[in-house]
Amino acid sequence: DNHTLSYEFESNGCNTGSHTFNSLAAYCDGLRND
């Protein structure tokens, strides 16, 4: 939305929290950050 990327995932009751990024590179880095 408006050139931002965001996600929030949940599995087995464990939630990543909601995260929003201004670039694809930051979005991908966020996915990799345990």
PDB file of all heavy atoms in Angstrom:
ATOM      1  N   ASP A   1       0.851  -1.183   0.000  1.00  0.00           N
ATOM      2  CA  ASP A   1       0.000   0.000   0.000  1.00  0.00           C
ATOM      3  C   ASP A   1       0.889   1.236   0.000  1.00  0.00           C
ATOM      4  O   ASP A   1       1.752   1.396   0.855  1.00  0.00           O
ATOM      5  CB  ASP A   1      -0.897  -0.015   1.237  1.00  0.00           C
ATOM      6  CG  ASP A   1      -1.847   1.164   1.265  1.00  0.00           C
ATOM      7  OD1 ASP A   1      -2.265   1.608   0.180  1.00  0.00           O
ATOM      8  OD2 ASP A   1      -2.167   1.632   2.373  1.00  0.00           O
ATOM      9  N   ASN A   2       0.660   2.123  -0.972  1.00  0.00           N
ATOM     10  CA  ASN A   2       1.441   3.365  -1.068  1.00  0.00           C
ATOM     11  C   ASN A   2       2.950   3.087  -1.044  1.00  0.00           C
ATOM     12  O   ASN A   2       3.714   3.712  -0.306  1.00  0.00           O
ATOM     13  CB  ASN A   2       1.054   4.312   0.064  1.00  0.00           C
ATOM     14  CG  ASN A   2      -0.389   4.779  -0.060  1.00  0.00           C
ATOM     15  OD1 ASN A   2      -0.922   4.884  -1.154  1.00  0.00           O
ATOM     16  ND2 ASN A   2      -1.023   5.024   1.084  1.00  0.00           N
ATOM     17  N   HIS A   3       3.371   2.115  -1.853  1.00  0.00           N
ATOM     18  CA  HIS A   3       4.781   1.784  -2.009  1.00  0.00           C
ATOM     19  C   HIS A   3       5.409   1.220  -0.736  1.00  0.00           C
ATOM     20  O   HIS A   3       6.626   1.314  -0.552  1.00  0.00           O
ATOM     21  CB  HIS A   3       5.571   3.011  -2.481  1.00  0.00           C
ATOM     22  CG  HIS A   3       5.019   3.625  -3.741  1.00  0.00           C
ATOM     23  ND1 HIS A   3       5.092   2.999  -4.973  1.00  0.00           N
ATOM     24  CD2 HIS A   3       4.363   4.789  -3.944  1.00  0.00           C
ATOM     25  CE1 HIS A   3       4.513   3.759  -5.888  1.00  0.00           C
ATOM     26  NE2 HIS A   3       4.063   4.842  -5.294  1.00  0.00           N
ATOM     27  N   THR A   4       4.592   0.701   0.155  1.00  0.00           N
ATOM     28  CA  THR A   4       5.125   0.026   1.346  1.00  0.00           C
ATOM     29  C   THR A   4       4.760  -1.446   1.285  1.00  0.00           C
ATOM     30  O   THR A   4       3.801  -1.841   0.617  1.00  0.00           O
ATOM     31  CB  THR A   4       4.566   0.628   2.647  1.00  0.00           C
ATOM     32  OG1 THR A   4       3.155   0.423   2.690  1.00  0.00           O
ATOM     33  CG2 THR A   4       4.885   2.106   2.741  1.00  0.00           C
ATOM     34  N   LEU A   5       5.545  -2.257   1.961  1.00  0.00           N
ATOM     35  CA  LEU A   5       5.299  -3.687   2.064  1.00  0.00           C
ATOM     36  C   LEU A   5       5.162  -4.038   3.533  1.00  0.00           C
ATOM     37  O   LEU A   5       5.939  -3.555   4.379  1.00  0.00           O
ATOM     38  CB  LEU A   5       6.451  -4.474   1.450  1.00  0.00           C
ATOM     39  CG  LEU A   5       6.588  -4.408  -0.071  1.00  0.00           C
ATOM     40  CD1 LEU A   5       7.981  -4.864  -0.492  1.00  0.00           C
ATOM     41  CD2 LEU A   5       5.530  -5.282  -0.729  1.00  0.00           C
ATOM     42  N   SER A   6       4.200  -4.888   3.862  1.00  0.00           N
ATOM     43  CA  SER A   6       3.991  -5.268   5.257  1.00  0.00           C
ATOM     44  C   SER A   6       3.586  -6.733   5.353  1.00  0.00           C
ATOM     45  O   SER A   6       3.137  -7.339   4.380  1.00  0.00           O
ATOM     46  CB  SER A   6       2.924  -4.381   5.901  1.00  0.00           C
ATOM     47  OG  SER A   6       1.667  -4.580   5.268  1.00  0.00           O
ATOM     48  N   TYR A   7       3.772  -7.283   6.517  1.00  0.00           N
ATOM     49  CA  TYR A   7       3.324  -8.658   6.775  1.00  0.00           C
ATOM     50  C   TYR A   7       3.097  -8.848   8.262  1.00  0.00           C
ATOM     51  O   TYR A   7       3.603  -8.103   9.109  1.00  0.00           O
ATOM     52  CB  TYR A   7       4.344  -9.686   6.264  1.00  0.00           C
ATOM     53  CG  TYR A   7       5.646  -9.718   7.032  1.00  0.00           C
ATOM     54  CD1 TYR A   7       5.757 -10.412   8.240  1.00  0.00           C
ATOM     55  CD2 TYR A   7       6.773  -9.056   6.556  1.00  0.00           C
ATOM     56  CE1 TYR A   7       6.952 -10.443   8.949  1.00  0.00           C
ATOM     57  CE2 TYR A   7       7.967  -9.075   7.252  1.00  0.00           C
ATOM     58  CZ  TYR A   7       8.047  -9.773   8.452  1.00  0.00           C
ATOM     59  OH  TYR A   7       9.218  -9.793   9.162  1.00  0.00           O
ATOM     60  N   GLU A   8       2.315  -9.855   8.568  1.00  0.00           N
ATOM     61  CA  GLU A   8       2.124 -10.363   9.925  1.00  0.00           C
ATOM     62  C   GLU A   8       1.752 -11.836   9.795  1.00  0.00           C
ATOM     63  O   GLU A   8       0.773 -12.167   9.138  1.00  0.00           O
ATOM     64  CB  GLU A   8       1.032  -9.615  10.679  1.00  0.00           C
ATOM     65  CG  GLU A   8       0.847 -10.142  12.110  1.00  0.00           C
ATOM     66  CD  GLU A   8      -0.212  -9.365  12.889  1.00  0.00           C
ATOM     67  OE1 GLU A   8      -0.898  -8.513  12.267  1.00  0.00           O
ATOM     68  OE2 GLU A   8      -0.374  -9.612  14.104  1.00  0.00           O
ATOM     69  N   PHE A   9       2.554 -12.713  10.379  1.00  0.00           N
ATOM     70  CA  PHE A   9       2.314 -14.146  10.281  1.00  0.00           C
ATOM     71  C   PHE A   9       2.107 -14.741  11.667  1.00  0.00           C
ATOM     72  O   PHE A   9       2.694 -14.272  12.658  1.00  0.00           O
ATOM     73  CB  PHE A   9       3.492 -14.855   9.605  1.00  0.00           C
ATOM     74  CG  PHE A   9       3.717 -14.441   8.178  1.00  0.00           C
ATOM     75  CD1 PHE A   9       4.882 -13.815   7.793  1.00  0.00           C
ATOM     76  CD2 PHE A   9       2.738 -14.679   7.219  1.00  0.00           C
ATOM     77  CE1 PHE A   9       5.097 -13.429   6.474  1.00  0.00           C
ATOM     78  CE2 PHE A   9       2.940 -14.306   5.899  1.00  0.00           C
ATOM     79  CZ  PHE A   9       4.114 -13.681   5.526  1.00  0.00           C
ATOM     80  N   GLU A  10       1.314 -15.805  11.711  1.00  0.00           N
ATOM     81  CA  GLU A  10       1.099 -16.533  12.962  1.00  0.00           C
ATOM     82  C   GLU A  10       1.083 -18.027  12.677  1.00  0.00           C
ATOM     83  O   GLU A  10       0.473 -18.481  11.708  1.00  0.00           O
ATOM     84  CB  GLU A  10      -0.214 -16.115  13.628  1.00  0.00           C
ATOM     85  CG  GLU A  10      -0.455 -16.819  14.963  1.00  0.00           C
ATOM     86  CD  GLU A  10      -1.639 -16.253  15.722  1.00  0.00           C
ATOM     87  OE1 GLU A  10      -1.836 -15.019  15.673  1.00  0.00           O
ATOM     88  OE2 GLU A  10      -2.355 -17.048  16.341  1.00  0.00           O
ATOM     89  N   SER A  11       1.767 -18.792  13.530  1.00  0.00           N
ATOM     90  CA  SER A  11       1.797 -20.247  13.385  1.00  0.00           C
ATOM     91  C   SER A  11       1.879 -20.869  14.772  1.00  0.00           C
ATOM     92  O   SER A  11       2.717 -20.470  15.586  1.00  0.00           O
ATOM     93  CB  SER A  11       3.002 -20.681  12.543  1.00  0.00           C
ATOM     94  OG  SER A  11       3.064 -22.092  12.429  1.00  0.00           O
ATOM     95  N   ASN A  12       0.995 -21.809  15.052  1.00  0.00           N
ATOM     96  CA  ASN A  12       0.960 -22.485  16.354  1.00  0.00           C
ATOM     97  C   ASN A  12       0.878 -21.498  17.518  1.00  0.00           C
ATOM     98  O   ASN A  12       1.476 -21.683  18.572  1.00  0.00           O
ATOM     99  CB  ASN A  12       2.195 -23.373  16.535  1.00  0.00           C
ATOM    100  CG  ASN A  12       2.154 -24.603  15.655  1.00  0.00           C
ATOM    101  OD1 ASN A  12       1.083 -25.088  15.323  1.00  0.00           O
ATOM    102  ND2 ASN A  12       3.313 -25.101  15.271  1.00  0.00           N
ATOM    103  N   GLY A  13       0.117 -20.411  17.311  1.00  0.00           N
ATOM    104  CA  GLY A  13      -0.066 -19.433  18.372  1.00  0.00           C
ATOM    105  C   GLY A  13       1.085 -18.472  18.541  1.00  0.00           C
ATOM    106  O   GLY A  13       1.068 -17.627  19.430  1.00  0.00           O
ATOM    107  N   CYS A  14       2.123 -18.581  17.702  1.00  0.00           N
ATOM    108  CA  CYS A  14       3.306 -17.713  17.786  1.00  0.00           C
ATOM    109  C   CYS A  14       3.199 -16.660  16.683  1.00  0.00           C
ATOM    110  O   CYS A  14       3.170 -17.001  15.496  1.00  0.00           O
ATOM    111  CB  CYS A  14       4.567 -18.548  17.638  1.00  0.00           C
ATOM    112  SG  CYS A  14       6.107 -17.678  17.967  1.00  0.00           S
ATOM    113  N   ASN A  15       3.137 -15.373  17.058  1.00  0.00           N
ATOM    114  CA  ASN A  15       2.870 -14.289  16.115  1.00  0.00           C
ATOM    115  C   ASN A  15       4.111 -13.430  15.909  1.00  0.00           C
ATOM    116  O   ASN A  15       4.774 -13.037  16.868  1.00  0.00           O
ATOM    117  CB  ASN A  15       1.716 -13.434  16.631  1.00  0.00           C
ATOM    118  CG  ASN A  15       1.180 -12.484  15.574  1.00  0.00           C
ATOM    119  OD1 ASN A  15       1.849 -11.538  15.189  1.00  0.00           O
ATOM    120  ND2 ASN A  15      -0.036 -12.736  15.115  1.00  0.00           N
ATOM    121  N   THR A  16       4.409 -13.121  14.653  1.00  0.00           N
ATOM    122  CA  THR A  16       5.586 -12.313  14.328  1.00  0.00           C
ATOM    123  C   THR A  16       5.422 -10.855  14.710  1.00  0.00           C
ATOM    124  O   THR A  16       6.402 -10.129  14.840  1.00  0.00           O
ATOM    125  CB  THR A  16       5.883 -12.373  12.824  1.00  0.00           C
ATOM    126  OG1 THR A  16       4.772 -11.819  12.106  1.00  0.00           O
ATOM    127  CG2 THR A  16       6.134 -13.808  12.364  1.00  0.00           C
ATOM    128  N   GLY A  17       4.170 -10.424  14.875  1.00  0.00           N
ATOM    129  CA  GLY A  17       3.886  -9.005  14.987  1.00  0.00           C
ATOM    130  C   GLY A  17       3.734  -8.398  13.606  1.00  0.00           C
ATOM    131  O   GLY A  17       4.111  -9.000  12.592  1.00  0.00           O
ATOM    132  N   SER A  18       3.174  -7.226  13.526  1.00  0.00           N
ATOM    133  CA  SER A  18       2.963  -6.549  12.248  1.00  0.00           C
ATOM    134  C   SER A  18       4.168  -5.663  11.926  1.00  0.00           C
ATOM    135  O   SER A  18       4.603  -4.865  12.761  1.00  0.00           O
ATOM    136  CB  SER A  18       1.700  -5.692  12.315  1.00  0.00           C
ATOM    137  OG  SER A  18       1.495  -4.998  11.107  1.00  0.00           O
ATOM    138  N   HIS A  19       4.707  -5.825  10.704  1.00  0.00           N
ATOM    139  CA  HIS A  19       5.886  -5.069  10.292  1.00  0.00           C
ATOM    140  C   HIS A  19       5.652  -4.446   8.919  1.00  0.00           C
ATOM    141  O   HIS A  19       5.129  -5.100   8.022  1.00  0.00           O
ATOM    142  CB  HIS A  19       7.120  -5.981  10.240  1.00  0.00           C
ATOM    143  CG  HIS A  19       7.389  -6.693  11.533  1.00  0.00           C
ATOM    144  ND1 HIS A  19       7.750  -6.049  12.691  1.00  0.00           N
ATOM    145  CD2 HIS A  19       7.313  -8.012  11.842  1.00  0.00           C
ATOM    146  CE1 HIS A  19       7.906  -6.932  13.667  1.00  0.00           C
ATOM    147  NE2 HIS A  19       7.634  -8.128  13.172  1.00  0.00           N
ATOM    148  N   THR A  20       6.053  -3.196   8.768  1.00  0.00           N
ATOM    149  CA  THR A  20       5.882  -2.462   7.514  1.00  0.00           C
ATOM    150  C   THR A  20       7.234  -1.917   7.058  1.00  0.00           C
ATOM    151  O   THR A  20       8.017  -1.423   7.886  1.00  0.00           O
ATOM    152  CB  THR A  20       4.884  -1.307   7.688  1.00  0.00           C
ATOM    153  OG1 THR A  20       3.617  -1.830   8.108  1.00  0.00           O
ATOM    154  CG2 THR A  20       4.689  -0.545   6.369  1.00  0.00           C
ATOM    155  N   PHE A  21       7.490  -1.995   5.746  1.00  0.00           N
ATOM    156  CA  PHE A  21       8.792  -1.602   5.197  1.00  0.00           C
ATOM    157  C   PHE A  21       8.589  -0.698   3.980  1.00  0.00           C
ATOM    158  O   PHE A  21       7.595  -0.833   3.246  1.00  0.00           O
ATOM    159  CB  PHE A  21       9.598  -2.846   4.806  1.00  0.00           C
ATOM    160  CG  PHE A  21       9.719  -3.854   5.913  1.00  0.00           C
ATOM    161  CD1 PHE A  21       8.781  -4.873   6.029  1.00  0.00           C
ATOM    162  CD2 PHE A  21      10.745  -3.782   6.839  1.00  0.00           C
ATOM    163  CE1 PHE A  21       8.865  -5.806   7.053  1.00  0.00           C
ATOM    164  CE2 PHE A  21      10.857  -4.707   7.866  1.00  0.00           C
ATOM    165  CZ  PHE A  21       9.911  -5.720   7.973  1.00  0.00           C
ATOM    166  N   ASN A  22       9.557   0.168   3.742  1.00  0.00           N
ATOM    167  CA  ASN A  22       9.469   1.122   2.634  1.00  0.00           C
ATOM    168  C   ASN A  22      10.128   0.617   1.352  1.00  0.00           C
ATOM    169  O   ASN A  22      10.074   1.301   0.326  1.00  0.00           O
ATOM    170  CB  ASN A  22      10.094   2.459   3.039  1.00  0.00           C
ATOM    171  CG  ASN A  22       9.302   3.162   4.125  1.00  0.00           C
ATOM    172  OD1 ASN A  22       8.074   3.098   4.123  1.00  0.00           O
ATOM    173  ND2 ASN A  22       9.988   3.811   5.055  1.00  0.00           N
ATOM    174  N   SER A  23      10.774  -0.540   1.405  1.00  0.00           N
ATOM    175  CA  SER A  23      11.424  -1.078   0.210  1.00  0.00           C
ATOM    176  C   SER A  23      11.403  -2.597   0.256  1.00  0.00           C
ATOM    177  O   SER A  23      11.248  -3.207   1.329  1.00  0.00           O
ATOM    178  CB  SER A  23      12.874  -0.590   0.121  1.00  0.00           C
ATOM    179  OG  SER A  23      13.653  -1.165   1.162  1.00  0.00           O
ATOM    180  N   LEU A  24      11.565  -3.190  -0.913  1.00  0.00           N
ATOM    181  CA  LEU A  24      11.611  -4.646  -0.991  1.00  0.00           C
ATOM    182  C   LEU A  24      12.821  -5.189  -0.245  1.00  0.00           C
ATOM    183  O   LEU A  24      12.729  -6.214   0.439  1.00  0.00           O
ATOM    184  CB  LEU A  24      11.656  -5.089  -2.454  1.00  0.00           C
ATOM    185  CG  LEU A  24      11.756  -6.608  -2.686  1.00  0.00           C
ATOM    186  CD1 LEU A  24      10.547  -7.328  -2.112  1.00  0.00           C
ATOM    187  CD2 LEU A  24      11.908  -6.916  -4.177  1.00  0.00           C
ATOM    188  N   ALA A  25      13.958  -4.493  -0.327  1.00  0.00           N
ATOM    189  CA  ALA A  25      15.158  -4.963   0.360  1.00  0.00           C
ATOM    190  C   ALA A  25      14.942  -5.011   1.868  1.00  0.00           C
ATOM    191  O   ALA A  25      15.326  -5.973   2.546  1.00  0.00           O
ATOM    192  CB  ALA A  25      16.340  -4.054   0.029  1.00  0.00           C
ATOM    193  N   ALA A  26      14.301  -3.970   2.410  1.00  0.00           N
ATOM    194  CA  ALA A  26      14.034  -3.937   3.847  1.00  0.00           C
ATOM    195  C   ALA A  26      13.016  -5.010   4.232  1.00  0.00           C
ATOM    196  O   ALA A  26      13.133  -5.651   5.283  1.00  0.00           O
ATOM    197  CB  ALA A  26      13.533  -2.550   4.256  1.00  0.00           C
ATOM    198  N   TYR A  27      12.018  -5.217   3.362  1.00  0.00           N
ATOM    199  CA  TYR A  27      11.011  -6.259   3.585  1.00  0.00           C
ATOM    200  C   TYR A  27      11.669  -7.639   3.656  1.00  0.00           C
ATOM    201  O   TYR A  27      11.390  -8.437   4.567  1.00  0.00           O
ATOM    202  CB  TYR A  27       9.990  -6.197   2.458  1.00  0.00           C
ATOM    203  CG  TYR A  27       9.023  -7.346   2.378  1.00  0.00           C
ATOM    204  CD1 TYR A  27       7.868  -7.379   3.147  1.00  0.00           C
ATOM    205  CD2 TYR A  27       9.264  -8.403   1.492  1.00  0.00           C
ATOM    206  CE1 TYR A  27       6.974  -8.436   3.054  1.00  0.00           C
ATOM    207  CE2 TYR A  27       8.373  -9.455   1.379  1.00  0.00           C
ATOM    208  CZ  TYR A  27       7.230  -9.479   2.165  1.00  0.00           C
ATOM    209  OH  TYR A  27       6.347 -10.525   2.061  1.00  0.00           O
ATOM    210  N   CYS A  28      12.570  -7.924   2.735  1.00  0.00           N
ATOM    211  CA  CYS A  28      13.242  -9.220   2.697  1.00  0.00           C
ATOM    212  C   CYS A  28      14.161  -9.395   3.905  1.00  0.00           C
ATOM    213  O   CYS A  28      14.238 -10.471   4.489  1.00  0.00           O
ATOM    214  CB  CYS A  28      14.029  -9.366   1.395  1.00  0.00           C
ATOM    215  SG  CYS A  28      12.974  -9.389  -0.078  1.00  0.00           S
ATOM    216  N   ASP A  29      14.852  -8.318   4.275  1.00  0.00           N
ATOM    217  CA  ASP A  29      15.688  -8.382   5.470  1.00  0.00           C
ATOM    218  C   ASP A  29      14.843  -8.653   6.708  1.00  0.00           C
ATOM    219  O   ASP A  29      15.256  -9.380   7.612  1.00  0.00           O
ATOM    220  CB  ASP A  29      16.467  -7.078   5.652  1.00  0.00           C
ATOM    221  CG  ASP A  29      17.598  -6.921   4.640  1.00  0.00           C
ATOM    222  OD1 ASP A  29      17.990  -7.945   4.034  1.00  0.00           O
ATOM    223  OD2 ASP A  29      18.080  -5.776   4.458  1.00  0.00           O
ATOM    224  N   GLY A  30      13.646  -8.053   6.742  1.00  0.00           N
ATOM    225  CA  GLY A  30      12.746  -8.281   7.871  1.00  0.00           C
ATOM    226  C   GLY A  30      12.312  -9.718   7.979  1.00  0.00           C
ATOM    227  O   GLY A  30      12.265 -10.294   9.074  1.00  0.00           O
ATOM    228  N   LEU A  31      12.012 -10.352   6.853  1.00  0.00           N
ATOM    229  CA  LEU A  31      11.623 -11.761   6.859  1.00  0.00           C
ATOM    230  C   LEU A  31      12.740 -12.654   7.388  1.00  0.00           C
ATOM    231  O   LEU A  31      12.502 -13.677   8.030  1.00  0.00           O
ATOM    232  CB  LEU A  31      11.233 -12.213   5.444  1.00  0.00           C
ATOM    233  CG  LEU A  31       9.916 -11.678   4.884  1.00  0.00           C
ATOM    234  CD1 LEU A  31       9.785 -12.045   3.409  1.00  0.00           C
ATOM    235  CD2 LEU A  31       8.723 -12.224   5.672  1.00  0.00           C
ATOM    236  N   ARG A  32      13.977 -12.259   7.141  1.00  0.00           N
ATOM    237  CA  ARG A  32      15.133 -13.055   7.550  1.00  0.00           C
ATOM    238  C   ARG A  32      15.512 -12.846   9.019  1.00  0.00           C
ATOM    239  O   ARG A  32      16.268 -13.630   9.582  1.00  0.00           O
ATOM    240  CB  ARG A  32      16.350 -12.697   6.681  1.00  0.00           C
ATOM    241  CG  ARG A  32      16.226 -13.118   5.226  1.00  0.00           C
ATOM    242  CD  ARG A  32      17.307 -12.452   4.372  1.00  0.00           C
ATOM    243  NE  ARG A  32      18.646 -12.723   4.877  1.00  0.00           N
ATOM    244  CZ  ARG A  32      19.378 -13.797   4.523  1.00  0.00           C
ATOM    245  NH1 ARG A  32      18.896 -14.665   3.653  1.00  0.00           N
ATOM    246  NH2 ARG A  32      20.589 -13.979   5.016  1.00  0.00           N
ATOM    247  N   ASN A  33      14.978 -11.816   9.628  1.00  0.00           N
ATOM    248  CA  ASN A  33      15.377 -11.441  10.984  1.00  0.00           C
ATOM    249  C   ASN A  33      14.569 -12.222  12.010  1.00  0.00           C
ATOM    250  O   ASN A  33      13.418 -11.895  12.308  1.00  0.00           O
ATOM    251  CB  ASN A  33      15.181  -9.933  11.175  1.00  0.00           C
ATOM    252  CG  ASN A  33      15.800  -9.433  12.459  1.00  0.00           C
ATOM    253  OD1 ASN A  33      15.839 -10.133  13.467  1.00  0.00           O
ATOM    254  ND2 ASN A  33      16.280  -8.207  12.429  1.00  0.00           N
ATOM    255  N   ASP A  34      15.198 -13.257  12.590  1.00  0.00           N
ATOM    256  CA  ASP A  34      14.482 -14.107  13.536  1.00  0.00           C
ATOM    257  C   ASP A  34      14.147 -13.361  14.822  1.00  0.00           C
ATOM    258  O   ASP A  34      13.091 -13.572  15.417  1.00  0.00           O
ATOM    259  CB  ASP A  34      15.326 -15.347  13.856  1.00  0.00           C
ATOM    260  CG  ASP A  34      14.481 -16.524  14.295  1.00  0.00           C
ATOM    261  OD1 ASP A  34      13.606 -16.949  13.522  1.00  0.00           O
ATOM    262  OD2 ASP A  34      14.682 -17.011  15.425  1.00  0.00           O
TER     263      ASP A  34
END
